[in-house]
């Protein structure tokens, strides 16, 4: 008897759940994190290569001075 009551109460709930429709929409959002990471990496690379660039400029100046001394 208990099973019949349970089935009578559960049947309308199961039938009603079959009528529910869900709509799924996928939206693609731009990823803002990649821009921040690229800027951070660019800054770090500029800082890293700044020392090398300064050294290159210094050696060019030294070479120019040596050339002027030889002339």
N, C-alpha and C. Protein backbone atom coordinates (compact mmCIF):
# COMPACT_ATOMS: atom_id res chain seq x y z
N UNK A 1 0.82 -1.19 0.00
CA UNK A 1 0.00 0.00 0.00
C UNK A 1 0.87 1.26 0.00
N UNK A 2 1.96 1.22 0.77
CA UNK A 2 2.86 2.37 0.84
C UNK A 2 3.54 2.64 -0.49
N UNK A 3 3.85 1.57 -1.25
CA UNK A 3 4.49 1.73 -2.55
C UNK A 3 3.54 2.39 -3.54
N UNK A 4 2.26 2.05 -3.44
CA UNK A 4 1.28 2.62 -4.36
C UNK A 4 1.12 4.12 -4.13
N UNK A 5 1.09 4.51 -2.88
CA UNK A 5 0.96 5.94 -2.56
C UNK A 5 2.20 6.70 -3.05
N UNK A 6 3.35 6.10 -2.84
CA UNK A 6 4.58 6.72 -3.30
C UNK A 6 4.58 6.88 -4.82
N UNK A 7 4.16 5.84 -5.53
CA UNK A 7 4.11 5.90 -6.99
C UNK A 7 3.07 6.92 -7.47
N UNK A 8 1.95 7.00 -6.79
CA UNK A 8 0.93 7.98 -7.16
C UNK A 8 1.41 9.41 -6.95
N UNK A 9 2.22 9.63 -5.93
CA UNK A 9 2.75 10.97 -5.66
C UNK A 9 3.96 11.29 -6.55
N UNK A 10 4.76 10.27 -6.84
CA UNK A 10 5.98 10.48 -7.62
C UNK A 10 5.69 10.60 -9.11
N UNK A 11 4.64 9.94 -9.60
CA UNK A 11 4.33 9.95 -11.03
C UNK A 11 4.07 11.36 -11.57
N UNK A 12 3.23 12.18 -10.93
CA UNK A 12 3.03 13.54 -11.46
C UNK A 12 4.30 14.37 -11.43
N UNK A 13 5.13 14.19 -10.43
CA UNK A 13 6.38 14.95 -10.35
C UNK A 13 7.31 14.56 -11.49
N UNK A 14 7.39 13.26 -11.79
CA UNK A 14 8.25 12.80 -12.88
C UNK A 14 7.72 13.25 -14.23
N UNK A 15 6.41 13.22 -14.40
CA UNK A 15 5.82 13.67 -15.66
C UNK A 15 5.98 15.17 -15.86
N UNK A 16 5.86 15.93 -14.79
CA UNK A 16 6.02 17.38 -14.88
C UNK A 16 7.47 17.75 -15.20
N UNK A 17 8.40 16.98 -14.69
CA UNK A 17 9.81 17.30 -14.94
C UNK A 17 10.18 17.05 -16.40
N UNK A 18 9.44 16.23 -17.10
CA UNK A 18 9.69 15.99 -18.51
C UNK A 18 9.26 17.15 -19.38
N UNK A 19 8.45 18.04 -18.88
CA UNK A 19 7.97 19.19 -19.64
C UNK A 19 8.87 20.41 -19.50
N UNK A 20 9.82 20.33 -18.62
CA UNK A 20 10.72 21.47 -18.41
C UNK A 20 11.72 21.54 -19.55
N UNK A 21 11.85 22.73 -20.14
CA UNK A 21 12.82 22.94 -21.22
C UNK A 21 13.88 23.92 -20.74
N UNK A 22 15.09 23.60 -21.03
CA UNK A 22 16.20 24.47 -20.68
C UNK A 22 16.84 24.99 -21.95
N UNK A 23 17.17 26.24 -21.94
CA UNK A 23 17.82 26.84 -23.10
C UNK A 23 19.26 27.17 -22.70
N UNK A 24 20.19 26.67 -23.47
CA UNK A 24 21.60 26.90 -23.18
C UNK A 24 22.16 27.87 -24.21
N UNK A 25 22.80 28.89 -23.73
CA UNK A 25 23.46 29.85 -24.61
C UNK A 25 24.92 29.90 -24.22
N UNK A 26 25.75 29.85 -25.23
CA UNK A 26 27.18 29.96 -24.97
C UNK A 26 27.66 31.30 -25.50
N UNK A 27 28.26 32.06 -24.65
CA UNK A 27 28.85 33.32 -25.06
C UNK A 27 30.34 33.25 -24.78
N UNK A 28 31.09 33.71 -25.71
CA UNK A 28 32.55 33.70 -25.57
C UNK A 28 32.99 35.09 -25.13
N UNK A 29 33.55 35.15 -23.95
CA UNK A 29 34.02 36.41 -23.41
C UNK A 29 35.51 36.56 -23.71
N UNK A 30 35.95 37.76 -24.02
CA UNK A 30 37.38 37.95 -24.24
C UNK A 30 38.16 37.71 -22.94
N UNK A 31 39.32 37.15 -23.08
CA UNK A 31 40.14 36.84 -21.91
C UNK A 31 41.04 38.03 -21.64
N UNK A 32 40.78 38.69 -20.53
CA UNK A 32 41.54 39.89 -20.17
C UNK A 32 42.88 39.52 -19.54
N UNK A 33 42.98 38.35 -18.99
CA UNK A 33 44.19 37.92 -18.28
C UNK A 33 45.37 37.83 -19.24
N UNK A 34 45.15 37.36 -20.46
CA UNK A 34 46.26 37.20 -21.39
C UNK A 34 46.88 38.54 -21.73
N UNK A 35 46.08 39.58 -21.81
CA UNK A 35 46.61 40.90 -22.11
C UNK A 35 47.51 41.36 -20.97
N UNK A 36 47.05 41.17 -19.73
CA UNK A 36 47.85 41.58 -18.59
C UNK A 36 49.16 40.80 -18.53
N UNK A 37 49.11 39.53 -18.82
CA UNK A 37 50.32 38.72 -18.77
C UNK A 37 51.29 39.15 -19.86
N UNK A 38 50.79 39.42 -21.05
CA UNK A 38 51.67 39.85 -22.13
C UNK A 38 52.35 41.16 -21.80
N UNK A 39 51.61 42.10 -21.22
CA UNK A 39 52.20 43.39 -20.86
C UNK A 39 53.26 43.18 -19.79
N UNK A 40 52.97 42.34 -18.82
CA UNK A 40 53.93 42.09 -17.74
C UNK A 40 55.18 41.43 -18.29
N UNK A 41 55.03 40.47 -19.19
CA UNK A 41 56.19 39.80 -19.78
C UNK A 41 56.99 40.77 -20.63
N UNK A 42 56.29 41.63 -21.40
CA UNK A 42 57.00 42.62 -22.21
C UNK A 42 57.82 43.56 -21.34
N UNK A 43 57.26 43.98 -20.24
CA UNK A 43 58.00 44.88 -19.34
C UNK A 43 59.22 44.17 -18.75
N UNK A 44 59.03 42.93 -18.34
CA UNK A 44 60.16 42.19 -17.77
C UNK A 44 61.25 41.96 -18.81
N UNK A 45 60.86 41.68 -20.05
CA UNK A 45 61.86 41.50 -21.10
C UNK A 45 62.59 42.80 -21.40
N UNK A 46 61.85 43.91 -21.41
CA UNK A 46 62.50 45.20 -21.63
C UNK A 46 63.50 45.50 -20.52
N UNK A 47 63.12 45.21 -19.28
CA UNK A 47 64.04 45.43 -18.17
C UNK A 47 65.25 44.51 -18.27
N UNK A 48 65.03 43.27 -18.69
CA UNK A 48 66.13 42.33 -18.81
C UNK A 48 67.11 42.77 -19.90
N UNK A 49 66.57 43.15 -21.05
CA UNK A 49 67.42 43.53 -22.17
C UNK A 49 67.94 44.96 -22.07
N UNK A 50 67.40 45.76 -21.15
CA UNK A 50 67.87 47.13 -20.98
C UNK A 50 69.34 47.14 -20.57
N UNK A 51 69.73 46.22 -19.69
CA UNK A 51 71.13 46.15 -19.27
C UNK A 51 72.03 45.79 -20.45
N UNK A 52 71.57 44.89 -21.28
CA UNK A 52 72.36 44.50 -22.45
C UNK A 52 72.45 45.65 -23.43
N UNK A 53 71.34 46.37 -23.62
CA UNK A 53 71.35 47.51 -24.52
C UNK A 53 72.28 48.61 -24.02
N UNK A 54 72.27 48.85 -22.70
CA UNK A 54 73.16 49.87 -22.13
C UNK A 54 74.62 49.48 -22.34
N UNK A 55 74.89 48.20 -22.16
CA UNK A 55 76.27 47.73 -22.35
C UNK A 55 76.66 47.87 -23.82
N UNK A 56 75.74 47.59 -24.73
CA UNK A 56 76.05 47.71 -26.16
C UNK A 56 76.30 49.16 -26.53
N UNK A 57 75.54 50.09 -25.98
CA UNK A 57 75.74 51.51 -26.26
C UNK A 57 77.08 51.96 -25.70
N UNK A 58 77.41 51.47 -24.51
CA UNK A 58 78.69 51.85 -23.91
C UNK A 58 79.86 51.34 -24.76
N UNK A 59 79.79 50.14 -25.26
CA UNK A 59 80.87 49.62 -26.09
C UNK A 59 80.96 50.36 -27.40
N UNK A 60 79.82 50.78 -27.97
CA UNK A 60 79.85 51.56 -29.21
C UNK A 60 80.52 52.91 -28.97
N UNK A 61 80.23 53.54 -27.83
CA UNK A 61 80.85 54.82 -27.51
C UNK A 61 82.36 54.63 -27.33
N UNK A 62 82.75 53.53 -26.67
CA UNK A 62 84.17 53.27 -26.49
C UNK A 62 84.86 53.06 -27.84
N UNK A 63 84.22 52.36 -28.73
CA UNK A 63 84.80 52.13 -30.05
C UNK A 63 84.90 53.43 -30.83
N UNK A 64 83.89 54.29 -30.72
CA UNK A 64 83.93 55.58 -31.40
C UNK A 64 85.07 56.44 -30.86
N UNK A 65 85.27 56.41 -29.54
CA UNK A 65 86.37 57.17 -28.93
C UNK A 65 87.72 56.64 -29.40
N UNK A 66 87.84 55.34 -29.50
CA UNK A 66 89.10 54.74 -29.95
C UNK A 66 89.37 55.13 -31.41
N UNK A 67 88.33 55.13 -32.22
CA UNK A 67 88.50 55.51 -33.63
C UNK A 67 88.95 56.97 -33.74
N UNK A 68 88.36 57.85 -32.91
CA UNK A 68 88.74 59.27 -32.94
C UNK A 68 90.17 59.45 -32.47
N UNK A 69 90.60 58.64 -31.50
CA UNK A 69 91.97 58.75 -31.01
C UNK A 69 92.97 58.30 -32.09
N UNK A 70 92.60 57.32 -32.87
CA UNK A 70 93.48 56.81 -33.90
C UNK A 70 93.59 57.79 -35.08
N UNK A 71 92.62 58.60 -35.27
CA UNK A 71 92.65 59.53 -36.42
C UNK A 71 93.41 60.72 -36.09
